[in-house]
Amino acid sequence: MGEKVNWYLDVLKKYVVFSGRARRREHWMFFLFNIIAVIIVATVDLAIGTFPLLYPIYFFAVLLPHLGVTVRRLHDTGRSGWSVLFGLIPVVGGIILVVFLATEGEQHQNAYGPSPKPAAAH
């Protein structure tokens, strides 16, 4: 479990880093832990009777790290970070974005830097 938490914390440490590349695992582990955290925060918010107070605070606190890891993930697939705007297209845009994010990254160096995969294997 400790290694999985590091995936979440590493993204938070790169709070507003939009350059470079991110592996699929880094993006999806952050996404998973973020979903779990949202459920916990919303539950606590409801339990103590402050809903909606804590949930929006958490949401805005992780918005930039989430956007950063998403842009870096798109870079890993050779796409511009602006591709994140596909998510604004109703229904199909979200599907297109998920496909982009789930696609395996380029194994070689691309315009956004070296592949993060070999570096992460050490």
PDB file of N, CA and C in Angstrom:
ATOM      1  N   MET A   1       0.827  -1.201   0.000  1.00  0.00           N
ATOM      2  CA  MET A   1       0.000   0.000   0.000  1.00  0.00           C
ATOM      3  C   MET A   1       0.863   1.254   0.000  1.00  0.00           C
ATOM      4  N   GLY A   2       2.024   1.198   0.641  1.00  0.00           N
ATOM      5  CA  GLY A   2       2.905   2.356   0.724  1.00  0.00           C
ATOM      6  C   GLY A   2       3.341   2.870  -0.627  1.00  0.00           C
ATOM      7  N   GLU A   3       3.682   1.943  -1.543  1.00  0.00           N
ATOM      8  CA  GLU A   3       4.111   2.355  -2.886  1.00  0.00           C
ATOM      9  C   GLU A   3       2.972   3.052  -3.622  1.00  0.00           C
ATOM     10  N   LYS A   4       1.761   2.557  -3.426  1.00  0.00           N
ATOM     11  CA  LYS A   4       0.605   3.144  -4.094  1.00  0.00           C
ATOM     12  C   LYS A   4       0.338   4.552  -3.586  1.00  0.00           C
ATOM     13  N   VAL A   5       0.517   4.771  -2.301  1.00  0.00           N
ATOM     14  CA  VAL A   5       0.337   6.111  -1.738  1.00  0.00           C
ATOM     15  C   VAL A   5       1.385   7.055  -2.309  1.00  0.00           C
ATOM     16  N   ASN A   6       2.597   6.548  -2.565  1.00  0.00           N
ATOM     17  CA  ASN A   6       3.639   7.381  -3.152  1.00  0.00           C
ATOM     18  C   ASN A   6       3.241   7.902  -4.524  1.00  0.00           C
ATOM     19  N   TRP A   7       2.498   7.110  -5.307  1.00  0.00           N
ATOM     20  CA  TRP A   7       2.045   7.585  -6.608  1.00  0.00           C
ATOM     21  C   TRP A   7       1.184   8.832  -6.421  1.00  0.00           C
ATOM     22  N   TYR A   8       0.348   8.829  -5.412  1.00  0.00           N
ATOM     23  CA  TYR A   8      -0.518   9.968  -5.116  1.00  0.00           C
ATOM     24  C   TYR A   8       0.308  11.159  -4.633  1.00  0.00           C
ATOM     25  N   LEU A   9       1.192  10.913  -3.680  1.00  0.00           N
ATOM     26  CA  LEU A   9       2.004  11.993  -3.107  1.00  0.00           C
ATOM     27  C   LEU A   9       2.975  12.588  -4.116  1.00  0.00           C
ATOM     28  N   ASP A  10       3.533  11.757  -4.992  1.00  0.00           N
ATOM     29  CA  ASP A  10       4.459  12.259  -6.010  1.00  0.00           C
ATOM     30  C   ASP A  10       3.764  13.245  -6.949  1.00  0.00           C
ATOM     31  N   VAL A  11       2.528  12.974  -7.291  1.00  0.00           N
ATOM     32  CA  VAL A  11       1.779  13.902  -8.140  1.00  0.00           C
ATOM     33  C   VAL A  11       1.524  15.201  -7.381  1.00  0.00           C
ATOM     34  N   LEU A  12       1.187  15.102  -6.111  1.00  0.00           N
ATOM     35  CA  LEU A  12       0.961  16.321  -5.329  1.00  0.00           C
ATOM     36  C   LEU A  12       2.230  17.161  -5.206  1.00  0.00           C
ATOM     37  N   LYS A  13       3.390  16.488  -5.127  1.00  0.00           N
ATOM     38  CA  LYS A  13       4.666  17.213  -5.048  1.00  0.00           C
ATOM     39  C   LYS A  13       4.952  17.981  -6.333  1.00  0.00           C
ATOM     40  N   LYS A  14       4.427  17.463  -7.457  1.00  0.00           N
ATOM     41  CA  LYS A  14       4.598  18.140  -8.749  1.00  0.00           C
ATOM     42  C   LYS A  14       3.377  19.030  -9.004  1.00  0.00           C
ATOM     43  N   TYR A  15       2.959  19.741  -7.989  1.00  0.00           N
ATOM     44  CA  TYR A  15       1.702  20.486  -7.947  1.00  0.00           C
ATOM     45  C   TYR A  15       1.293  21.140  -9.264  1.00  0.00           C
ATOM     46  N   VAL A  16       2.160  21.941  -9.847  1.00  0.00           N
ATOM     47  CA  VAL A  16       1.802  22.631 -11.087  1.00  0.00           C
ATOM     48  C   VAL A  16       2.827  22.360 -12.191  1.00  0.00           C
ATOM     49  N   VAL A  17       3.336  21.141 -12.240  1.00  0.00           N
ATOM     50  CA  VAL A  17       4.300  20.772 -13.272  1.00  0.00           C
ATOM     51  C   VAL A  17       3.524  20.243 -14.475  1.00  0.00           C
ATOM     52  N   PHE A  18       3.605  21.003 -15.574  1.00  0.00           N
ATOM     53  CA  PHE A  18       2.897  20.621 -16.788  1.00  0.00           C
ATOM     54  C   PHE A  18       3.859  20.158 -17.875  1.00  0.00           C
ATOM     55  N   SER A  19       5.142  20.180 -17.592  1.00  0.00           N
ATOM     56  CA  SER A  19       6.125  19.742 -18.583  1.00  0.00           C
ATOM     57  C   SER A  19       6.573  18.323 -18.259  1.00  0.00           C
ATOM     58  N   GLY A  20       7.126  17.656 -19.255  1.00  0.00           N
ATOM     59  CA  GLY A  20       7.588  16.293 -19.058  1.00  0.00           C
ATOM     60  C   GLY A  20       6.507  15.282 -19.370  1.00  0.00           C
ATOM     61  N   ARG A  21       6.740  14.071 -18.895  1.00  0.00           N
ATOM     62  CA  ARG A  21       5.860  12.958 -19.210  1.00  0.00           C
ATOM     63  C   ARG A  21       5.513  12.173 -17.961  1.00  0.00           C
ATOM     64  N   ALA A  22       4.369  11.489 -17.985  1.00  0.00           N
ATOM     65  CA  ALA A  22       3.931  10.660 -16.860  1.00  0.00           C
ATOM     66  C   ALA A  22       3.467   9.309 -17.385  1.00  0.00           C
ATOM     67  N   ARG A  23       3.862   8.271 -16.687  1.00  0.00           N
ATOM     68  CA  ARG A  23       3.437   6.909 -17.048  1.00  0.00           C
ATOM     69  C   ARG A  23       1.948   6.727 -16.800  1.00  0.00           C
ATOM     70  N   ARG A  24       1.395   5.704 -17.422  1.00  0.00           N
ATOM     71  CA  ARG A  24      -0.017   5.373 -17.178  1.00  0.00           C
ATOM     72  C   ARG A  24      -0.258   5.104 -15.706  1.00  0.00           C
ATOM     73  N   ARG A  25       0.648   4.345 -15.096  1.00  0.00           N
ATOM     74  CA  ARG A  25       0.474   3.979 -13.690  1.00  0.00           C
ATOM     75  C   ARG A  25       0.396   5.228 -12.806  1.00  0.00           C
ATOM     76  N   GLU A  26       1.274   6.187 -13.058  1.00  0.00           N
ATOM     77  CA  GLU A  26       1.266   7.416 -12.249  1.00  0.00           C
ATOM     78  C   GLU A  26      -0.083   8.117 -12.360  1.00  0.00           C
ATOM     79  N   HIS A  27      -0.590   8.250 -13.575  1.00  0.00           N
ATOM     80  CA  HIS A  27      -1.869   8.934 -13.772  1.00  0.00           C
ATOM     81  C   HIS A  27      -3.027   8.170 -13.136  1.00  0.00           C
ATOM     82  N   TRP A  28      -3.124   6.875 -13.440  1.00  0.00           N
ATOM     83  CA  TRP A  28      -4.287   6.115 -12.981  1.00  0.00           C
ATOM     84  C   TRP A  28      -4.260   5.835 -11.484  1.00  0.00           C
ATOM     85  N   MET A  29      -3.076   5.696 -10.893  1.00  0.00           N
ATOM     86  CA  MET A  29      -3.014   5.523  -9.434  1.00  0.00           C
ATOM     87  C   MET A  29      -3.447   6.813  -8.741  1.00  0.00           C
ATOM     88  N   PHE A  30      -3.020   7.962  -9.273  1.00  0.00           N
ATOM     89  CA  PHE A  30      -3.477   9.234  -8.716  1.00  0.00           C
ATOM     90  C   PHE A  30      -4.985   9.342  -8.854  1.00  0.00           C
ATOM     91  N   PHE A  31      -5.500   8.979 -10.015  1.00  0.00           N
ATOM     92  CA  PHE A  31      -6.936   9.030 -10.260  1.00  0.00           C
ATOM     93  C   PHE A  31      -7.694   8.152  -9.261  1.00  0.00           C
ATOM     94  N   LEU A  32      -7.208   6.907  -9.063  1.00  0.00           N
ATOM     95  CA  LEU A  32      -7.845   5.979  -8.132  1.00  0.00           C
ATOM     96  C   LEU A  32      -7.848   6.531  -6.705  1.00  0.00           C
ATOM     97  N   PHE A  33      -6.681   6.971  -6.237  1.00  0.00           N
ATOM     98  CA  PHE A  33      -6.608   7.502  -4.881  1.00  0.00           C
ATOM     99  C   PHE A  33      -7.422   8.781  -4.741  1.00  0.00           C
ATOM    100  N   ASN A  34      -7.509   9.555  -5.789  1.00  0.00           N
ATOM    101  CA  ASN A  34      -8.307  10.767  -5.739  1.00  0.00           C
ATOM    102  C   ASN A  34      -9.789  10.428  -5.595  1.00  0.00           C
ATOM    103  N   ILE A  35     -10.254   9.412  -6.308  1.00  0.00           N
ATOM    104  CA  ILE A  35     -11.655   8.971  -6.180  1.00  0.00           C
ATOM    105  C   ILE A  35     -11.933   8.505  -4.755  1.00  0.00           C
ATOM    106  N   ILE A  36     -11.027   7.706  -4.204  1.00  0.00           N
ATOM    107  CA  ILE A  36     -11.183   7.228  -2.822  1.00  0.00           C
ATOM    108  C   ILE A  36     -11.214   8.404  -1.852  1.00  0.00           C
ATOM    109  N   ALA A  37     -10.308   9.362  -2.048  1.00  0.00           N
ATOM    110  CA  ALA A  37     -10.254  10.539  -1.167  1.00  0.00           C
ATOM    111  C   ALA A  37     -11.527  11.365  -1.279  1.00  0.00           C
ATOM    112  N   VAL A  38     -12.059  11.519  -2.482  1.00  0.00           N
ATOM    113  CA  VAL A  38     -13.295  12.280  -2.672  1.00  0.00           C
ATOM    114  C   VAL A  38     -14.439  11.610  -1.918  1.00  0.00           C
ATOM    115  N   ILE A  39     -14.519  10.293  -1.994  1.00  0.00           N
ATOM    116  CA  ILE A  39     -15.577   9.557  -1.283  1.00  0.00           C
ATOM    117  C   ILE A  39     -15.435   9.762   0.229  1.00  0.00           C
ATOM    118  N   ILE A  40     -14.212   9.656   0.727  1.00  0.00           N
ATOM    119  CA  ILE A  40     -13.972   9.834   2.166  1.00  0.00           C
ATOM    120  C   ILE A  40     -14.297  11.254   2.603  1.00  0.00           C
ATOM    121  N   VAL A  41     -13.801  12.237   1.853  1.00  0.00           N
ATOM    122  CA  VAL A  41     -14.036  13.644   2.220  1.00  0.00           C
ATOM    123  C   VAL A  41     -15.526  13.967   2.162  1.00  0.00           C
ATOM    124  N   ALA A  42     -16.218  13.515   1.128  1.00  0.00           N
ATOM    125  CA  ALA A  42     -17.654  13.780   1.017  1.00  0.00           C
ATOM    126  C   ALA A  42     -18.429  13.096   2.143  1.00  0.00           C
ATOM    127  N   THR A  43     -18.021  11.886   2.507  1.00  0.00           N
ATOM    128  CA  THR A  43     -18.678  11.168   3.601  1.00  0.00           C
ATOM    129  C   THR A  43     -18.472  11.894   4.924  1.00  0.00           C
ATOM    130  N   VAL A  44     -17.242  12.307   5.186  1.00  0.00           N
ATOM    131  CA  VAL A  44     -16.955  13.061   6.419  1.00  0.00           C
ATOM    132  C   VAL A  44     -17.735  14.377   6.404  1.00  0.00           C
ATOM    133  N   ASP A  45     -17.744  15.035   5.261  1.00  0.00           N
ATOM    134  CA  ASP A  45     -18.473  16.293   5.115  1.00  0.00           C
ATOM    135  C   ASP A  45     -19.958  16.111   5.452  1.00  0.00           C
ATOM    136  N   LEU A  46     -20.545  15.023   4.955  1.00  0.00           N
ATOM    137  CA  LEU A  46     -21.947  14.732   5.262  1.00  0.00           C
ATOM    138  C   LEU A  46     -22.134  14.355   6.724  1.00  0.00           C
ATOM    139  N   ALA A  47     -21.218  13.540   7.263  1.00  0.00           N
ATOM    140  CA  ALA A  47     -21.342  13.048   8.639  1.00  0.00           C
ATOM    141  C   ALA A  47     -21.273  14.176   9.660  1.00  0.00           C
ATOM    142  N   ILE A  48     -20.436  15.173   9.399  1.00  0.00           N
ATOM    143  CA  ILE A  48     -20.329  16.268  10.382  1.00  0.00           C
ATOM    144  C   ILE A  48     -21.273  17.423  10.057  1.00  0.00           C
ATOM    145  N   GLY A  49     -22.063  17.249   9.007  1.00  0.00           N
ATOM    146  CA  GLY A  49     -23.103  18.215   8.679  1.00  0.00           C
ATOM    147  C   GLY A  49     -22.606  19.494   8.019  1.00  0.00           C
ATOM    148  N   THR A  50     -21.464  19.444   7.383  1.00  0.00           N
ATOM    149  CA  THR A  50     -20.938  20.648   6.747  1.00  0.00           C
ATOM    150  C   THR A  50     -21.022  20.601   5.224  1.00  0.00           C
ATOM    151  N   PHE A  51     -21.627  19.531   4.669  1.00  0.00           N
ATOM    152  CA  PHE A  51     -21.689  19.397   3.215  1.00  0.00           C
ATOM    153  C   PHE A  51     -22.466  20.550   2.621  1.00  0.00           C
ATOM    154  N   PRO A  52     -22.043  21.176   1.613  1.00  0.00           N
ATOM    155  CA  PRO A  52     -20.805  21.027   0.852  1.00  0.00           C
ATOM    156  C   PRO A  52     -19.754  22.064   1.268  1.00  0.00           C
ATOM    157  N   LEU A  53     -18.897  21.730   2.182  1.00  0.00           N
ATOM    158  CA  LEU A  53     -17.810  22.628   2.577  1.00  0.00           C
ATOM    159  C   LEU A  53     -16.449  21.984   2.304  1.00  0.00           C
ATOM    160  N   LEU A  54     -16.220  20.801   2.888  1.00  0.00           N
ATOM    161  CA  LEU A  54     -14.915  20.159   2.746  1.00  0.00           C
ATOM    162  C   LEU A  54     -14.683  19.625   1.333  1.00  0.00           C
ATOM    163  N   TYR A  55     -15.716  19.089   0.722  1.00  0.00           N
ATOM    164  CA  TYR A  55     -15.580  18.504  -0.606  1.00  0.00           C
ATOM    165  C   TYR A  55     -15.051  19.525  -1.628  1.00  0.00           C
ATOM    166  N   PRO A  56     -15.640  20.723  -1.744  1.00  0.00           N
ATOM    167  CA  PRO A  56     -15.107  21.676  -2.723  1.00  0.00           C
ATOM    168  C   PRO A  56     -13.684  22.140  -2.389  1.00  0.00           C
ATOM    169  N   ILE A  57     -13.360  22.224  -1.113  1.00  0.00           N
ATOM    170  CA  ILE A  57     -11.993  22.605  -0.719  1.00  0.00           C
ATOM    171  C   ILE A  57     -11.016  21.551  -1.230  1.00  0.00           C
ATOM    172  N   TYR A  58     -11.338  20.278  -1.010  1.00  0.00           N
ATOM    173  CA  TYR A  58     -10.472  19.205  -1.498  1.00  0.00           C
ATOM    174  C   TYR A  58     -10.403  19.226  -3.025  1.00  0.00           C
ATOM    175  N   PHE A  59     -11.548  19.381  -3.665  1.00  0.00           N
ATOM    176  CA  PHE A  59     -11.599  19.389  -5.125  1.00  0.00           C
ATOM    177  C   PHE A  59     -10.657  20.450  -5.702  1.00  0.00           C
ATOM    178  N   PHE A  60     -10.746  21.672  -5.187  1.00  0.00           N
ATOM    179  CA  PHE A  60      -9.901  22.744  -5.716  1.00  0.00           C
ATOM    180  C   PHE A  60      -8.434  22.569  -5.326  1.00  0.00           C
ATOM    181  N   ALA A  61      -8.179  21.908  -4.207  1.00  0.00           N
ATOM    182  CA  ALA A  61      -6.792  21.664  -3.780  1.00  0.00           C
ATOM    183  C   ALA A  61      -6.079  20.695  -4.714  1.00  0.00           C
ATOM    184  N   VAL A  62      -6.792  19.732  -5.279  1.00  0.00           N
ATOM    185  CA  VAL A  62      -6.156  18.741  -6.154  1.00  0.00           C
ATOM    186  C   VAL A  62      -6.426  18.995  -7.636  1.00  0.00           C
ATOM    187  N   LEU A  63      -7.118  20.067  -7.966  1.00  0.00           N
ATOM    188  CA  LEU A  63      -7.439  20.358  -9.364  1.00  0.00           C
ATOM    189  C   LEU A  63      -6.174  20.552 -10.209  1.00  0.00           C
ATOM    190  N   LEU A  64      -5.253  21.400  -9.768  1.00  0.00           N
ATOM    191  CA  LEU A  64      -4.032  21.639 -10.545  1.00  0.00           C
ATOM    192  C   LEU A  64      -3.121  20.416 -10.605  1.00  0.00           C
ATOM    193  N   PRO A  65      -2.903  19.685  -9.500  1.00  0.00           N
ATOM    194  CA  PRO A  65      -2.104  18.462  -9.635  1.00  0.00           C
ATOM    195  C   PRO A  65      -2.735  17.458 -10.606  1.00  0.00           C
ATOM    196  N   HIS A  66      -4.063  17.337 -10.563  1.00  0.00           N
ATOM    197  CA  HIS A  66      -4.741  16.409 -11.469  1.00  0.00           C
ATOM    198  C   HIS A  66      -4.584  16.860 -12.919  1.00  0.00           C
ATOM    199  N   LEU A  67      -4.732  18.141 -13.163  1.00  0.00           N
ATOM    200  CA  LEU A  67      -4.544  18.665 -14.510  1.00  0.00           C
ATOM    201  C   LEU A  67      -3.093  18.469 -14.961  1.00  0.00           C
ATOM    202  N   GLY A  68      -2.146  18.693 -14.060  1.00  0.00           N
ATOM    203  CA  GLY A  68      -0.734  18.523 -14.383  1.00  0.00           C
ATOM    204  C   GLY A  68      -0.401  17.093 -14.778  1.00  0.00           C
ATOM    205  N   VAL A  69      -0.847  16.115 -13.994  1.00  0.00           N
ATOM    206  CA  VAL A  69      -0.540  14.711 -14.313  1.00  0.00           C
ATOM    207  C   VAL A  69      -1.265  14.282 -15.587  1.00  0.00           C
ATOM    208  N   THR A  70      -2.426  14.838 -15.844  1.00  0.00           N
ATOM    209  CA  THR A  70      -3.148  14.519 -17.072  1.00  0.00           C
ATOM    210  C   THR A  70      -2.400  15.065 -18.288  1.00  0.00           C
ATOM    211  N   VAL A  71      -1.914  16.292 -18.199  1.00  0.00           N
ATOM    212  CA  VAL A  71      -1.144  16.882 -19.297  1.00  0.00           C
ATOM    213  C   VAL A  71       0.144  16.090 -19.522  1.00  0.00           C
ATOM    214  N   ARG A  72       0.846  15.734 -18.431  1.00  0.00           N
ATOM    215  CA  ARG A  72       2.072  14.942 -18.575  1.00  0.00           C
ATOM    216  C   ARG A  72       1.777  13.572 -19.175  1.00  0.00           C
ATOM    217  N   ARG A  73       0.629  12.999 -18.833  1.00  0.00           N
ATOM    218  CA  ARG A  73       0.237  11.697 -19.399  1.00  0.00           C
ATOM    219  C   ARG A  73      -0.003  11.835 -20.898  1.00  0.00           C
ATOM    220  N   LEU A  74      -0.682  12.899 -21.307  1.00  0.00           N
ATOM    221  CA  LEU A  74      -0.907  13.143 -22.727  1.00  0.00           C
ATOM    222  C   LEU A  74       0.426  13.341 -23.446  1.00  0.00           C
ATOM    223  N   HIS A  75       1.362  14.034 -22.812  1.00  0.00           N
ATOM    224  CA  HIS A  75       2.696  14.212 -23.389  1.00  0.00           C
ATOM    225  C   HIS A  75       3.361  12.860 -23.626  1.00  0.00           C
ATOM    226  N   ASP A  76       3.170  11.912 -22.718  1.00  0.00           N
ATOM    227  CA  ASP A  76       3.793  10.600 -22.853  1.00  0.00           C
ATOM    228  C   ASP A  76       3.288   9.877 -24.096  1.00  0.00           C
ATOM    229  N   THR A  77       2.070  10.179 -24.499  1.00  0.00           N
ATOM    230  CA  THR A  77       1.512   9.547 -25.701  1.00  0.00           C
ATOM    231  C   THR A  77       1.807  10.366 -26.956  1.00  0.00           C
ATOM    232  N   GLY A  78       2.592  11.441 -26.811  1.00  0.00           N
ATOM    233  CA  GLY A  78       2.956  12.271 -27.951  1.00  0.00           C
ATOM    234  C   GLY A  78       1.936  13.335 -28.293  1.00  0.00           C
ATOM    235  N   ARG A  79       0.960  13.552 -27.418  1.00  0.00           N
ATOM    236  CA  ARG A  79      -0.080  14.545 -27.674  1.00  0.00           C
ATOM    237  C   ARG A  79       0.179  15.816 -26.869  1.00  0.00           C
ATOM    238  N   SER A  80      -0.300  16.898 -27.381  1.00  0.00           N
ATOM    239  CA  SER A  80      -0.204  18.179 -26.683  1.00  0.00           C
ATOM    240  C   SER A  80      -1.085  18.157 -25.441  1.00  0.00           C
ATOM    241  N   GLY A  81      -0.696  18.927 -24.445  1.00  0.00           N
ATOM    242  CA  GLY A  81      -1.513  19.058 -23.246  1.00  0.00           C
ATOM    243  C   GLY A  81      -2.875  19.676 -23.533  1.00  0.00           C
ATOM    244  N   TRP A  82      -2.950  20.417 -24.629  1.00  0.00           N
ATOM    245  CA  TRP A  82      -4.226  21.015 -25.017  1.00  0.00           C
ATOM    246  C   TRP A  82      -5.267  19.949 -25.364  1.00  0.00           C
ATOM    247  N   SER A  83      -4.837  18.725 -25.584  1.00  0.00           N
ATOM    248  CA  SER A  83      -5.779  17.628 -25.873  1.00  0.00           C
ATOM    249  C   SER A  83      -6.727  17.391 -24.711  1.00  0.00           C
ATOM    250  N   VAL A  84      -6.374  17.884 -23.529  1.00  0.00           N
ATOM    251  CA  VAL A  84      -7.251  17.750 -22.368  1.00  0.00           C
ATOM    252  C   VAL A  84      -8.595  18.436 -22.634  1.00  0.00           C
ATOM    253  N   LEU A  85      -8.606  19.393 -23.550  1.00  0.00           N
ATOM    254  CA  LEU A  85      -9.846  20.104 -23.865  1.00  0.00           C
ATOM    255  C   LEU A  85     -10.877  19.216 -24.563  1.00  0.00           C
ATOM    256  N   PHE A  86     -10.455  18.053 -25.075  1.00  0.00           N
ATOM    257  CA  PHE A  86     -11.422  17.100 -25.633  1.00  0.00           C
ATOM    258  C   PHE A  86     -12.456  16.728 -24.570  1.00  0.00           C
ATOM    259  N   GLY A  87     -12.039  16.748 -23.311  1.00  0.00           N
ATOM    260  CA  GLY A  87     -12.940  16.410 -22.220  1.00  0.00           C
ATOM    261  C   GLY A  87     -14.123  17.350 -22.093  1.00  0.00           C
ATOM    262  N   LEU A  88     -14.049  18.511 -22.720  1.00  0.00           N
ATOM    263  CA  LEU A  88     -15.149  19.480 -22.660  1.00  0.00           C
ATOM    264  C   LEU A  88     -16.261  19.166 -23.659  1.00  0.00           C
ATOM    265  N   ILE A  89     -15.972  18.292 -24.622  1.00  0.00           N
ATOM    266  CA  ILE A  89     -16.994  17.911 -25.602  1.00  0.00           C
ATOM    267  C   ILE A  89     -17.942  16.918 -24.921  1.00  0.00           C
ATOM    268  N   PRO A  90     -19.229  17.231 -24.883  1.00  0.00           N
ATOM    269  CA  PRO A  90     -20.169  16.333 -24.207  1.00  0.00           C
ATOM    270  C   PRO A  90     -20.096  14.894 -24.734  1.00  0.00           C
ATOM    271  N   VAL A  91     -20.141  13.956 -23.846  1.00  0.00           N
ATOM    272  CA  VAL A  91     -20.154  12.511 -24.051  1.00  0.00           C
ATOM    273  C   VAL A  91     -18.911  11.992 -24.780  1.00  0.00           C
ATOM    274  N   VAL A  92     -18.767  12.253 -26.066  1.00  0.00           N
ATOM    275  CA  VAL A  92     -17.660  11.691 -26.837  1.00  0.00           C
ATOM    276  C   VAL A  92     -16.302  12.223 -26.402  1.00  0.00           C
ATOM    277  N   GLY A  93     -16.243  13.458 -25.978  1.00  0.00           N
ATOM    278  CA  GLY A  93     -14.969  14.046 -25.575  1.00  0.00           C
ATOM    279  C   GLY A  93     -14.344  13.312 -24.411  1.00  0.00           C
ATOM    280  N   GLY A  94     -15.150  12.949 -23.440  1.00  0.00           N
ATOM    281  CA  GLY A  94     -14.652  12.194 -22.290  1.00  0.00           C
ATOM    282  C   GLY A  94     -14.138  10.823 -22.694  1.00  0.00           C
ATOM    283  N   ILE A  95     -14.830  10.190 -23.611  1.00  0.00           N
ATOM    284  CA  ILE A  95     -14.410   8.872 -24.094  1.00  0.00           C
ATOM    285  C   ILE A  95     -13.085   8.993 -24.838  1.00  0.00           C
ATOM    286  N   ILE A  96     -12.976   9.997 -25.707  1.00  0.00           N
ATOM    287  CA  ILE A  96     -11.731  10.217 -26.451  1.00  0.00           C
ATOM    288  C   ILE A  96     -10.582  10.458 -25.484  1.00  0.00           C
ATOM    289  N   LEU A  97     -10.811  11.277 -24.477  1.00  0.00           N
ATOM    290  CA  LEU A  97      -9.764  11.594 -23.505  1.00  0.00           C
ATOM    291  C   LEU A  97      -9.329  10.343 -22.737  1.00  0.00           C
ATOM    292  N   VAL A  98     -10.263   9.521 -22.321  1.00  0.00           N
ATOM    293  CA  VAL A  98      -9.926   8.277 -21.612  1.00  0.00           C
ATOM    294  C   VAL A  98      -9.089   7.362 -22.511  1.00  0.00           C
ATOM    295  N   VAL A  99      -9.443   7.279 -23.786  1.00  0.00           N
ATOM    296  CA  VAL A  99      -8.660   6.464 -24.723  1.00  0.00           C
ATOM    297  C   VAL A  99      -7.241   7.008 -24.824  1.00  0.00           C
ATOM    298  N   PHE A 100      -7.099   8.320 -24.955  1.00  0.00           N
ATOM    299  CA  PHE A 100      -5.768   8.933 -25.011  1.00  0.00           C
ATOM    300  C   PHE A 100      -4.963   8.611 -23.753  1.00  0.00           C
ATOM    301  N   LEU A 101      -5.599   8.727 -22.587  1.00  0.00           N
ATOM    302  CA  LEU A 101      -4.916   8.516 -21.316  1.00  0.00           C
ATOM    303  C   LEU A 101      -4.564   7.050 -21.079  1.00  0.00           C
ATOM    304  N   ALA A 102      -5.335   6.148 -21.688  1.00  0.00           N
ATOM    305  CA  ALA A 102      -5.091   4.712 -21.505  1.00  0.00           C
ATOM    306  C   ALA A 102      -4.109   4.151 -22.528  1.00  0.00           C
ATOM    307  N   THR A 103      -3.809   4.934 -23.546  1.00  0.00           N
ATOM    308  CA  THR A 103      -2.885   4.486 -24.590  1.00  0.00           C
ATOM    309  C   THR A 103      -1.472   4.385 -24.033  1.00  0.00           C
ATOM    310  N   GLU A 104      -0.740   3.356 -24.473  1.00  0.00           N
ATOM    311  CA  GLU A 104       0.638   3.199 -24.016  1.00  0.00           C
ATOM    312  C   GLU A 104       1.475   4.370 -24.503  1.00  0.00           C
ATOM    313  N   GLY A 105       2.372   4.830 -23.634  1.00  0.00           N
ATOM    314  CA  GLY A 105       3.246   5.943 -23.987  1.00  0.00           C
ATOM    315  C   GLY A 105       4.279   5.550 -25.020  1.00  0.00           C
ATOM    316  N   GLU A 106       4.836   6.563 -25.662  1.00  0.00           N
ATOM    317  CA  GLU A 106       5.884   6.320 -26.651  1.00  0.00           C
ATOM    318  C   GLU A 106       7.143   5.849 -25.935  1.00  0.00           C
ATOM    319  N   GLN A 107       7.760   4.799 -26.444  1.00  0.00           N
ATOM    320  CA  GLN A 107       8.928   4.196 -25.798  1.00  0.00           C
ATOM    321  C   GLN A 107      10.188   5.043 -25.953  1.00  0.00           C
ATOM    322  N   HIS A 108      10.212   5.874 -26.958  1.00  0.00           N
ATOM    323  CA  HIS A 108      11.391   6.684 -27.245  1.00  0.00           C
ATOM    324  C   HIS A 108      11.176   8.127 -26.777  1.00  0.00           C
ATOM    325  N   GLN A 109      12.236   8.898 -26.802  1.00  0.00           N
ATOM    326  CA  GLN A 109      12.119  10.312 -26.461  1.00  0.00           C
ATOM    327  C   GLN A 109      11.221  10.985 -27.494  1.00  0.00           C
ATOM    328  N   ASN A 110      10.355  11.847 -27.024  1.00  0.00           N
ATOM    329  CA  ASN A 110       9.528  12.607 -27.952  1.00  0.00           C
ATOM    330  C   ASN A 110       9.728  14.096 -27.657  1.00  0.00           C
ATOM    331  N   ALA A 111       8.902  14.943 -28.209  1.00  0.00           N
ATOM    332  CA  ALA A 111       9.049  16.396 -28.056  1.00  0.00           C
ATOM    333  C   ALA A 111       8.923  16.848 -26.600  1.00  0.00           C
ATOM    334  N   TYR A 112       8.397  15.983 -25.732  1.00  0.00           N
ATOM    335  CA  TYR A 112       8.149  16.356 -24.341  1.00  0.00           C
ATOM    336  C   TYR A 112       9.169  15.785 -23.372  1.00  0.00           C
ATOM    337  N   GLY A 113      10.131  15.043 -23.901  1.00  0.00           N
ATOM    338  CA  GLY A 113      11.204  14.515 -23.052  1.00  0.00           C
ATOM    339  C   GLY A 113      11.396  13.023 -23.220  1.00  0.00           C
ATOM    340  N   PRO A 114      12.307  12.476 -22.418  1.00  0.00           N
ATOM    341  CA  PRO A 114      12.581  11.036 -22.488  1.00  0.00           C
ATOM    342  C   PRO A 114      11.421  10.224 -21.898  1.00  0.00           C
ATOM    343  N   SER A 115      11.346   8.977 -22.287  1.00  0.00           N
ATOM    344  CA  SER A 115      10.318   8.086 -21.762  1.00  0.00           C
ATOM    345  C   SER A 115      10.500   7.936 -20.252  1.00  0.00           C
ATOM    346  N   PRO A 116       9.428   8.069 -19.480  1.00  0.00           N
ATOM    347  CA  PRO A 116       9.528   7.902 -18.035  1.00  0.00           C
ATOM    348  C   PRO A 116       9.628   6.439 -17.613  1.00  0.00           C
ATOM    349  N   LYS A 117       9.330   5.529 -18.519  1.00  0.00           N
ATOM    350  CA  LYS A 117       9.277   4.106 -18.174  1.00  0.00           C
ATOM    351  C   LYS A 117      10.630   3.549 -17.729  1.00  0.00           C
ATOM    352  N   PRO A 118      11.703   3.720 -18.488  1.00  0.00           N
ATOM    353  CA  PRO A 118      12.995   3.175 -18.038  1.00  0.00           C
ATOM    354  C   PRO A 118      13.458   3.809 -16.738  1.00  0.00           C
ATOM    355  N   ALA A 119      13.248   5.087 -16.568  1.00  0.00           N
ATOM    356  CA  ALA A 119      13.683   5.772 -15.345  1.00  0.00           C
ATOM    357  C   ALA A 119      12.924   5.262 -14.133  1.00  0.00           C
ATOM    358  N   ALA A 120      11.643   4.942 -14.326  1.00  0.00           N
ATOM    359  CA  ALA A 120      10.815   4.467 -13.216  1.00  0.00           C
ATOM    360  C   ALA A 120      11.120   3.004 -12.869  1.00  0.00           C
ATOM    361  N   ALA A 121      11.748   2.282 -13.776  1.00  0.00           N
ATOM    362  CA  ALA A 121      12.020   0.855 -13.543  1.00  0.00           C
ATOM    363  C   ALA A 121      13.163   0.646 -12.560  1.00  0.00           C
ATOM    364  N   HIS A 122      13.984   1.667 -12.296  1.00  0.00           N
ATOM    365  CA  HIS A 122      15.132   1.525 -11.406  1.00  0.00           C
ATOM    366  C   HIS A 122      14.725   1.437  -9.965  1.00  0.00           C
TER     367      HIS A 122
END
